[in-house]
Structures are given as structure tokens and as C-alpha cells.
Amino acid sequence: MTYDFQKISDFLSDTGIKSVIISAGVINFARKVSEMYHIDDYVANDVIEVRRELKFVKNVDPARKDLNLKTYLRKFSVKESETISIGDSIADFSMKKCSSLFIAFNPLDSVLSSMADFTAYNFAEVIRIVEAINDLAHGKSYGAPLSE
């Protein structure tokens, strides 16, 4: 993880914006990142031992991350209209179903960029986008007025 990730984590924490990791990867990584960077919560897939056999526990369906996101929206009492999802793959775009906006982060596929509301190639760009959205949501405007 990078210094920029620490900056976005600090920004989210300082502004009171909730953050969660929804990963189709292994839970140990999501847990560690969540602890290191004070992410509010996380969910990922797991591997457990049952009678000396390893079993895969699918907590996140890569194509249905929106289902996990809905759980967190209820948990944190956040409206879909207040939600921004960020992802780097087409599978992440399912979260747009219950988000007002989607940011393609350093996208692996140009199709994702074309579907996203915004595209960012580093965490500094994500911060600028989220700051602007947050400011607009709180009545601060940018540029020339639309009407006098």
C-alpha cells in the first residue's frame, strides 16, 4: 500500500465518510488493510479447516458485490444516493446498482472507464473527486453559476 492510500484513509476518517472493503480475494489481506488504515469494515472470502480439509467460504460473489454493499448501507444507515463505489474491474461495477456514483480506479479494462462516472489513476485523484462531490453535497459550488 502507498502513502497515497494513507492520505485517502485519513481524508475519509477526517470527513466522517464510512469506508468498507468488499473483496473477492482472501479475507486475511482485507483484514490487514482494514486494521492498518482504519477502514470501517471489510468482507472477503475465507478458507477454513474442517476435519483436516480446507474449505472455501464464499462471502463475496465477484459478480454480485452489490449484495455485500447493501448490507453495509443498512449497517451504517447510509442511503444509496450518498454512496460512491470504487473499483478496478468490471466485477466491481455491480456495486453501482446501489451507489449514486462509481469511480473506476486504475481500471484494468477500458470498458470500465466508459461505464464509470469518473476515472482515477491514483489515490490523489480519488481524493480530489470525492472532495468535490462532498463539497457539492454540502452546498459549496465550483465555477461560474448556471444562472443569475
N, C-alpha and C. Protein backbone atom coordinates (compact mmCIF):
# COMPACT_ATOMS: atom_id res chain seq x y z
N MET A 1 0.86 -1.17 0.00
CA MET A 1 0.00 0.00 0.00
C MET A 1 0.90 1.23 0.00
N THR A 2 0.34 2.34 -0.39
CA THR A 2 1.15 3.52 -0.61
C THR A 2 0.81 4.64 0.35
N TYR A 3 1.67 5.66 0.31
CA TYR A 3 1.41 6.88 1.08
C TYR A 3 0.08 7.49 0.66
N ASP A 4 -0.22 7.46 -0.64
CA ASP A 4 -1.50 7.99 -1.12
C ASP A 4 -2.68 7.26 -0.49
N PHE A 5 -2.55 5.95 -0.27
CA PHE A 5 -3.64 5.21 0.35
C PHE A 5 -3.83 5.69 1.79
N GLN A 6 -2.74 5.98 2.48
CA GLN A 6 -2.84 6.54 3.82
C GLN A 6 -3.54 7.89 3.78
N LYS A 7 -3.24 8.70 2.77
CA LYS A 7 -3.88 10.01 2.63
C LYS A 7 -5.39 9.87 2.42
N ILE A 8 -5.80 8.96 1.58
CA ILE A 8 -7.25 8.82 1.36
C ILE A 8 -7.92 8.25 2.60
N SER A 9 -7.27 7.35 3.28
CA SER A 9 -7.80 6.80 4.53
C SER A 9 -7.98 7.91 5.56
N ASP A 10 -6.97 8.77 5.70
CA ASP A 10 -7.06 9.90 6.63
C ASP A 10 -8.18 10.86 6.22
N PHE A 11 -8.27 11.14 4.92
CA PHE A 11 -9.31 12.04 4.42
C PHE A 11 -10.70 11.49 4.75
N LEU A 12 -10.95 10.23 4.48
CA LEU A 12 -12.25 9.63 4.76
C LEU A 12 -12.56 9.67 6.24
N SER A 13 -11.58 9.35 7.06
CA SER A 13 -11.76 9.38 8.51
C SER A 13 -12.04 10.79 9.01
N ASP A 14 -11.26 11.76 8.52
CA ASP A 14 -11.42 13.16 8.96
C ASP A 14 -12.77 13.74 8.57
N THR A 15 -13.32 13.31 7.45
CA THR A 15 -14.60 13.84 6.98
C THR A 15 -15.79 13.02 7.47
N GLY A 16 -15.53 11.93 8.17
CA GLY A 16 -16.61 11.09 8.68
C GLY A 16 -17.25 10.20 7.63
N ILE A 17 -16.60 10.07 6.49
CA ILE A 17 -17.13 9.22 5.42
C ILE A 17 -16.79 7.77 5.73
N LYS A 18 -17.81 6.92 5.73
CA LYS A 18 -17.60 5.49 6.00
C LYS A 18 -16.90 4.83 4.83
N SER A 19 -16.03 3.88 5.14
CA SER A 19 -15.33 3.15 4.08
C SER A 19 -15.32 1.66 4.42
N VAL A 20 -15.55 0.85 3.39
CA VAL A 20 -15.51 -0.60 3.56
C VAL A 20 -14.76 -1.22 2.40
N ILE A 21 -14.17 -2.36 2.67
CA ILE A 21 -13.52 -3.15 1.63
C ILE A 21 -14.44 -4.32 1.31
N ILE A 22 -14.81 -4.46 0.05
CA ILE A 22 -15.58 -5.61 -0.42
C ILE A 22 -14.70 -6.30 -1.45
N SER A 23 -14.09 -7.40 -1.04
CA SER A 23 -13.10 -8.05 -1.88
C SER A 23 -13.47 -9.50 -2.17
N ALA A 24 -13.30 -9.90 -3.41
CA ALA A 24 -13.49 -11.30 -3.77
C ALA A 24 -12.21 -12.09 -3.52
N GLY A 25 -11.21 -11.43 -2.94
CA GLY A 25 -9.96 -12.08 -2.59
C GLY A 25 -10.05 -12.73 -1.22
N VAL A 26 -8.90 -12.91 -0.61
CA VAL A 26 -8.82 -13.62 0.68
C VAL A 26 -8.96 -12.64 1.84
N ILE A 27 -9.69 -13.04 2.85
CA ILE A 27 -10.04 -12.17 3.96
C ILE A 27 -8.83 -11.67 4.75
N ASN A 28 -7.75 -12.45 4.81
CA ASN A 28 -6.59 -12.02 5.59
C ASN A 28 -6.04 -10.69 5.09
N PHE A 29 -5.98 -10.51 3.78
CA PHE A 29 -5.48 -9.26 3.21
C PHE A 29 -6.44 -8.11 3.53
N ALA A 30 -7.73 -8.33 3.33
CA ALA A 30 -8.73 -7.29 3.62
C ALA A 30 -8.69 -6.90 5.09
N ARG A 31 -8.55 -7.88 5.97
CA ARG A 31 -8.48 -7.61 7.41
C ARG A 31 -7.26 -6.76 7.74
N LYS A 32 -6.11 -7.12 7.20
CA LYS A 32 -4.86 -6.40 7.49
C LYS A 32 -4.94 -4.95 6.99
N VAL A 33 -5.42 -4.76 5.77
CA VAL A 33 -5.56 -3.40 5.23
C VAL A 33 -6.54 -2.60 6.08
N SER A 34 -7.64 -3.21 6.46
CA SER A 34 -8.63 -2.55 7.29
C SER A 34 -8.04 -2.10 8.62
N GLU A 35 -7.26 -2.96 9.24
CA GLU A 35 -6.63 -2.62 10.52
C GLU A 35 -5.57 -1.54 10.36
N MET A 36 -4.73 -1.67 9.34
CA MET A 36 -3.63 -0.72 9.14
C MET A 36 -4.13 0.69 8.81
N TYR A 37 -5.21 0.76 8.04
CA TYR A 37 -5.66 2.05 7.53
C TYR A 37 -7.00 2.50 8.11
N HIS A 38 -7.45 1.85 9.17
CA HIS A 38 -8.66 2.25 9.89
C HIS A 38 -9.89 2.32 8.99
N ILE A 39 -10.04 1.30 8.15
CA ILE A 39 -11.23 1.15 7.32
C ILE A 39 -12.36 0.69 8.24
N ASP A 40 -13.57 1.19 8.02
CA ASP A 40 -14.67 0.91 8.94
C ASP A 40 -15.09 -0.56 8.99
N ASP A 41 -15.00 -1.27 7.88
CA ASP A 41 -15.35 -2.70 7.90
C ASP A 41 -14.85 -3.34 6.61
N TYR A 42 -14.97 -4.64 6.55
CA TYR A 42 -14.50 -5.39 5.38
C TYR A 42 -15.24 -6.71 5.28
N VAL A 43 -15.25 -7.24 4.07
CA VAL A 43 -15.75 -8.59 3.84
C VAL A 43 -14.94 -9.16 2.67
N ALA A 44 -14.63 -10.43 2.76
CA ALA A 44 -13.89 -11.11 1.71
C ALA A 44 -14.13 -12.61 1.87
N ASN A 45 -13.60 -13.36 0.96
CA ASN A 45 -13.74 -14.82 1.03
C ASN A 45 -12.73 -15.39 2.02
N ASP A 46 -13.00 -16.61 2.47
CA ASP A 46 -12.17 -17.20 3.51
C ASP A 46 -11.88 -18.66 3.17
N VAL A 47 -10.92 -19.18 3.85
CA VAL A 47 -10.59 -20.60 3.78
C VAL A 47 -10.55 -21.10 5.22
N ILE A 48 -11.32 -22.15 5.50
CA ILE A 48 -11.34 -22.71 6.86
C ILE A 48 -10.99 -24.19 6.80
N GLU A 49 -10.55 -24.69 7.93
CA GLU A 49 -10.23 -26.11 8.02
C GLU A 49 -11.40 -26.84 8.67
N VAL A 50 -11.88 -27.87 8.00
CA VAL A 50 -12.96 -28.70 8.51
C VAL A 50 -12.50 -30.15 8.38
N ARG A 51 -12.34 -30.80 9.52
CA ARG A 51 -11.88 -32.20 9.55
C ARG A 51 -10.65 -32.42 8.67
N ARG A 52 -9.66 -31.59 8.90
CA ARG A 52 -8.37 -31.68 8.22
C ARG A 52 -8.44 -31.40 6.71
N GLU A 53 -9.53 -30.80 6.28
CA GLU A 53 -9.65 -30.39 4.88
C GLU A 53 -9.89 -28.89 4.83
N LEU A 54 -9.31 -28.25 3.83
CA LEU A 54 -9.54 -26.83 3.64
C LEU A 54 -10.80 -26.62 2.81
N LYS A 55 -11.65 -25.74 3.30
CA LYS A 55 -12.90 -25.43 2.61
C LYS A 55 -12.94 -23.94 2.28
N PHE A 56 -13.36 -23.63 1.07
CA PHE A 56 -13.51 -22.26 0.62
C PHE A 56 -14.86 -21.73 1.10
N VAL A 57 -14.86 -20.58 1.73
CA VAL A 57 -16.09 -19.94 2.18
C VAL A 57 -16.30 -18.69 1.33
N LYS A 58 -17.32 -18.74 0.51
CA LYS A 58 -17.59 -17.64 -0.42
C LYS A 58 -18.49 -16.60 0.25
N ASN A 59 -17.87 -15.55 0.76
CA ASN A 59 -18.61 -14.45 1.37
C ASN A 59 -18.91 -13.34 0.37
N VAL A 60 -18.15 -13.31 -0.72
CA VAL A 60 -18.31 -12.27 -1.74
C VAL A 60 -18.36 -12.94 -3.12
N ASP A 61 -19.47 -12.76 -3.80
CA ASP A 61 -19.58 -13.20 -5.19
C ASP A 61 -19.04 -12.06 -6.04
N PRO A 62 -17.97 -12.28 -6.79
CA PRO A 62 -17.37 -11.19 -7.56
C PRO A 62 -18.36 -10.44 -8.46
N ALA A 63 -19.34 -11.15 -8.98
CA ALA A 63 -20.31 -10.52 -9.88
C ALA A 63 -21.47 -9.87 -9.15
N ARG A 64 -21.55 -10.04 -7.82
CA ARG A 64 -22.68 -9.51 -7.04
C ARG A 64 -22.21 -8.76 -5.79
N LYS A 65 -21.18 -7.97 -5.93
CA LYS A 65 -20.69 -7.19 -4.79
C LYS A 65 -21.74 -6.20 -4.29
N ASP A 66 -22.71 -5.88 -5.13
CA ASP A 66 -23.79 -5.00 -4.70
C ASP A 66 -24.55 -5.58 -3.51
N LEU A 67 -24.67 -6.90 -3.43
CA LEU A 67 -25.36 -7.52 -2.30
C LEU A 67 -24.62 -7.25 -0.99
N ASN A 68 -23.28 -7.33 -1.03
CA ASN A 68 -22.49 -7.02 0.16
C ASN A 68 -22.61 -5.54 0.50
N LEU A 69 -22.57 -4.70 -0.52
CA LEU A 69 -22.66 -3.26 -0.28
C LEU A 69 -23.99 -2.90 0.37
N LYS A 70 -25.08 -3.52 -0.07
CA LYS A 70 -26.40 -3.25 0.54
C LYS A 70 -26.39 -3.56 2.03
N THR A 71 -25.69 -4.61 2.41
CA THR A 71 -25.58 -4.96 3.84
C THR A 71 -24.93 -3.82 4.61
N TYR A 72 -23.86 -3.26 4.06
CA TYR A 72 -23.17 -2.16 4.75
C TYR A 72 -23.98 -0.87 4.73
N LEU A 73 -24.74 -0.63 3.69
CA LEU A 73 -25.58 0.56 3.68
C LEU A 73 -26.59 0.49 4.82
N ARG A 74 -27.17 -0.68 5.03
CA ARG A 74 -28.09 -0.86 6.16
C ARG A 74 -27.35 -0.72 7.49
N LYS A 75 -26.20 -1.37 7.61
CA LYS A 75 -25.44 -1.35 8.86
C LYS A 75 -25.07 0.07 9.28
N PHE A 76 -24.64 0.88 8.32
CA PHE A 76 -24.19 2.24 8.64
C PHE A 76 -25.27 3.30 8.40
N SER A 77 -26.49 2.87 8.07
CA SER A 77 -27.61 3.79 7.79
C SER A 77 -27.23 4.84 6.75
N VAL A 78 -26.68 4.36 5.65
CA VAL A 78 -26.27 5.24 4.55
C VAL A 78 -27.21 4.99 3.38
N LYS A 79 -27.67 6.07 2.76
CA LYS A 79 -28.55 5.96 1.60
C LYS A 79 -27.75 5.65 0.34
N GLU A 80 -28.39 4.99 -0.61
CA GLU A 80 -27.73 4.73 -1.89
C GLU A 80 -27.32 6.04 -2.56
N SER A 81 -28.13 7.07 -2.40
CA SER A 81 -27.84 8.37 -3.02
C SER A 81 -26.61 9.04 -2.41
N GLU A 82 -26.15 8.55 -1.25
CA GLU A 82 -24.97 9.10 -0.58
C GLU A 82 -23.73 8.22 -0.79
N THR A 83 -23.85 7.22 -1.64
CA THR A 83 -22.81 6.21 -1.76
C THR A 83 -22.01 6.36 -3.05
N ILE A 84 -20.69 6.26 -2.89
CA ILE A 84 -19.76 6.23 -4.02
C ILE A 84 -19.02 4.90 -3.95
N SER A 85 -19.04 4.15 -5.02
CA SER A 85 -18.28 2.90 -5.08
C SER A 85 -17.05 3.11 -5.93
N ILE A 86 -15.99 2.40 -5.56
CA ILE A 86 -14.72 2.50 -6.28
C ILE A 86 -14.26 1.08 -6.60
N GLY A 87 -13.83 0.85 -7.84
CA GLY A 87 -13.34 -0.47 -8.20
C GLY A 87 -12.45 -0.43 -9.42
N ASP A 88 -11.70 -1.53 -9.60
CA ASP A 88 -10.76 -1.57 -10.73
C ASP A 88 -11.12 -2.62 -11.78
N SER A 89 -12.24 -3.31 -11.60
CA SER A 89 -12.62 -4.34 -12.57
C SER A 89 -14.11 -4.27 -12.88
N ILE A 90 -14.47 -4.90 -13.98
CA ILE A 90 -15.88 -4.95 -14.38
C ILE A 90 -16.73 -5.56 -13.27
N ALA A 91 -16.21 -6.56 -12.57
CA ALA A 91 -16.96 -7.19 -11.48
C ALA A 91 -17.34 -6.18 -10.41
N ASP A 92 -16.50 -5.19 -10.18
CA ASP A 92 -16.79 -4.18 -9.16
C ASP A 92 -17.97 -3.29 -9.55
N PHE A 93 -18.24 -3.20 -10.84
CA PHE A 93 -19.29 -2.29 -11.31
C PHE A 93 -20.67 -2.70 -10.81
N SER A 94 -20.85 -3.93 -10.36
CA SER A 94 -22.16 -4.33 -9.81
C SER A 94 -22.54 -3.46 -8.63
N MET A 95 -21.56 -2.87 -7.95
CA MET A 95 -21.85 -2.00 -6.80
C MET A 95 -22.57 -0.73 -7.22
N LYS A 96 -22.48 -0.36 -8.49
CA LYS A 96 -23.17 0.84 -8.99
C LYS A 96 -24.68 0.70 -8.83
N LYS A 97 -25.18 -0.55 -8.76
CA LYS A 97 -26.62 -0.78 -8.60
C LYS A 97 -27.16 -0.11 -7.35
N CYS A 98 -26.33 0.04 -6.32
CA CYS A 98 -26.79 0.66 -5.08
C CYS A 98 -25.87 1.82 -4.67
N SER A 99 -25.31 2.50 -5.66
CA SER A 99 -24.46 3.67 -5.43
C SER A 99 -24.92 4.78 -6.37
N SER A 100 -24.76 6.01 -5.92
CA SER A 100 -25.10 7.10 -6.83
C SER A 100 -24.01 7.30 -7.87
N LEU A 101 -22.76 7.01 -7.50
CA LEU A 101 -21.63 7.23 -8.40
C LEU A 101 -20.66 6.06 -8.32
N PHE A 102 -19.92 5.87 -9.42
CA PHE A 102 -18.89 4.83 -9.46
C PHE A 102 -17.61 5.44 -10.01
N ILE A 103 -16.51 5.21 -9.29
CA ILE A 103 -15.19 5.66 -9.74
C ILE A 103 -14.40 4.44 -10.18
N ALA A 104 -13.98 4.45 -11.44
CA ALA A 104 -13.08 3.40 -11.94
C ALA A 104 -11.68 3.78 -11.48
N PHE A 105 -11.06 2.91 -10.69
CA PHE A 105 -9.74 3.20 -10.15
C PHE A 105 -8.69 2.40 -10.90
N ASN A 106 -7.81 3.11 -11.60
CA ASN A 106 -6.74 2.46 -12.35
C ASN A 106 -7.30 1.22 -13.07
N PRO A 107 -8.34 1.43 -13.88
CA PRO A 107 -9.10 0.29 -14.42
C PRO A 107 -8.28 -0.66 -15.27
N LEU A 108 -8.59 -1.94 -15.10
CA LEU A 108 -7.93 -2.99 -15.86
C LEU A 108 -8.50 -3.09 -17.27
N ASP A 109 -9.67 -2.51 -17.49
CA ASP A 109 -10.39 -2.65 -18.75
C ASP A 109 -10.95 -1.29 -19.16
N SER A 110 -10.74 -0.90 -20.40
CA SER A 110 -11.24 0.40 -20.87
C SER A 110 -12.77 0.46 -20.85
N VAL A 111 -13.43 -0.68 -20.90
CA VAL A 111 -14.88 -0.71 -20.83
C VAL A 111 -15.34 -0.15 -19.48
N LEU A 112 -14.64 -0.48 -18.42
CA LEU A 112 -15.00 0.03 -17.10
C LEU A 112 -14.92 1.55 -17.07
N SER A 113 -13.90 2.12 -17.66
CA SER A 113 -13.77 3.58 -17.72
C SER A 113 -14.96 4.20 -18.42
N SER A 114 -15.41 3.58 -19.49
CA SER A 114 -16.53 4.14 -20.24
C SER A 114 -17.85 4.04 -19.47
N MET A 115 -17.97 3.08 -18.58
CA MET A 115 -19.19 2.89 -17.79
C MET A 115 -19.19 3.74 -16.52
N ALA A 116 -18.02 4.08 -16.02
CA ALA A 116 -17.89 4.78 -14.74
C ALA A 116 -18.28 6.25 -14.86
N ASP A 117 -18.65 6.83 -13.72
CA ASP A 117 -18.92 8.26 -13.66
C ASP A 117 -17.63 9.06 -13.68
N PHE A 118 -16.60 8.50 -13.08
CA PHE A 118 -15.27 9.13 -13.02
C PHE A 118 -14.22 8.04 -13.16
N THR A 119 -13.03 8.43 -13.60
CA THR A 119 -11.89 7.52 -13.64
C THR A 119 -10.73 8.20 -12.93
N ALA A 120 -10.07 7.46 -12.06
CA ALA A 120 -8.90 7.96 -11.32
C ALA A 120 -7.77 6.96 -11.48
N TYR A 121 -6.57 7.48 -11.60
CA TYR A 121 -5.41 6.60 -11.79
C TYR A 121 -4.49 6.54 -10.58
N ASN A 122 -4.84 7.30 -9.53
CA ASN A 122 -4.10 7.22 -8.27
C ASN A 122 -5.01 7.73 -7.15
N PHE A 123 -4.59 7.51 -5.92
CA PHE A 123 -5.45 7.89 -4.79
C PHE A 123 -5.59 9.39 -4.64
N ALA A 124 -4.60 10.16 -5.07
CA ALA A 124 -4.72 11.63 -5.03
C ALA A 124 -5.89 12.08 -5.90
N GLU A 125 -6.06 11.46 -7.06
CA GLU A 125 -7.19 11.79 -7.93
C GLU A 125 -8.51 11.38 -7.29
N VAL A 126 -8.54 10.23 -6.62
CA VAL A 126 -9.76 9.80 -5.92
C VAL A 126 -10.13 10.83 -4.86
N ILE A 127 -9.14 11.30 -4.10
CA ILE A 127 -9.40 12.30 -3.07
C ILE A 127 -10.00 13.55 -3.69
N ARG A 128 -9.43 14.04 -4.78
CA ARG A 128 -9.96 15.25 -5.43
C ARG A 128 -11.41 15.05 -5.88
N ILE A 129 -11.70 13.90 -6.44
CA ILE A 129 -13.07 13.62 -6.89
C ILE A 129 -14.02 13.57 -5.71
N VAL A 130 -13.67 12.83 -4.67
CA VAL A 130 -14.55 12.69 -3.50
C VAL A 130 -14.70 14.03 -2.78
N GLU A 131 -13.62 14.81 -2.67
CA GLU A 131 -13.72 16.14 -2.05
C GLU A 131 -14.71 17.01 -2.82
N ALA A 132 -14.61 17.03 -4.14
CA ALA A 132 -15.51 17.85 -4.95
C ALA A 132 -16.96 17.40 -4.77
N ILE A 133 -17.20 16.10 -4.79
CA ILE A 133 -18.55 15.58 -4.60
C ILE A 133 -19.06 15.93 -3.20
N ASN A 134 -18.21 15.76 -2.19
CA ASN A 134 -18.58 16.07 -0.81
C ASN A 134 -18.89 17.56 -0.66
N ASP A 135 -18.07 18.41 -1.26
CA ASP A 135 -18.31 19.86 -1.20
C ASP A 135 -19.64 20.22 -1.87
N LEU A 136 -19.89 19.66 -3.05
CA LEU A 136 -21.15 19.93 -3.74
C LEU A 136 -22.35 19.46 -2.92
N ALA A 137 -22.21 18.31 -2.28
CA ALA A 137 -23.29 17.77 -1.44
C ALA A 137 -23.58 18.67 -0.25
N HIS A 138 -22.58 19.44 0.17
CA HIS A 138 -22.74 20.34 1.30
C HIS A 138 -22.91 21.80 0.87
N GLY A 139 -23.29 22.01 -0.40
CA GLY A 139 -23.65 23.34 -0.86
C GLY A 139 -22.55 24.22 -1.41
N LYS A 140 -21.32 23.73 -1.43
CA LYS A 140 -20.23 24.53 -1.99
C LYS A 140 -20.23 24.32 -3.50
N SER A 141 -20.16 25.41 -4.26
CA SER A 141 -20.20 25.29 -5.71
C SER A 141 -18.86 25.62 -6.33
N TYR A 142 -18.68 25.19 -7.55
CA TYR A 142 -17.45 25.40 -8.30
C TYR A 142 -17.77 26.08 -9.62
N GLY A 143 -16.87 26.92 -10.09
CA GLY A 143 -17.02 27.51 -11.42
C GLY A 143 -18.09 28.58 -11.46
N ALA A 144 -18.47 28.96 -12.66
CA ALA A 144 -19.46 30.00 -12.87
C ALA A 144 -20.86 29.48 -12.55
N PRO A 145 -21.72 30.36 -12.01
CA PRO A 145 -23.09 29.92 -11.73
C PRO A 145 -23.82 29.57 -13.01
N LEU A 146 -24.74 28.62 -12.91
CA LEU A 146 -25.51 28.21 -14.08
C LEU A 146 -26.52 29.28 -14.49
N SER A 147 -27.02 30.04 -13.51
CA SER A 147 -27.96 31.12 -13.82
C SER A 147 -27.78 32.23 -12.79
N GLU A 148 -28.17 33.42 -13.17
CA GLU A 148 -28.05 34.59 -12.28
C GLU A 148 -29.33 34.77 -11.51
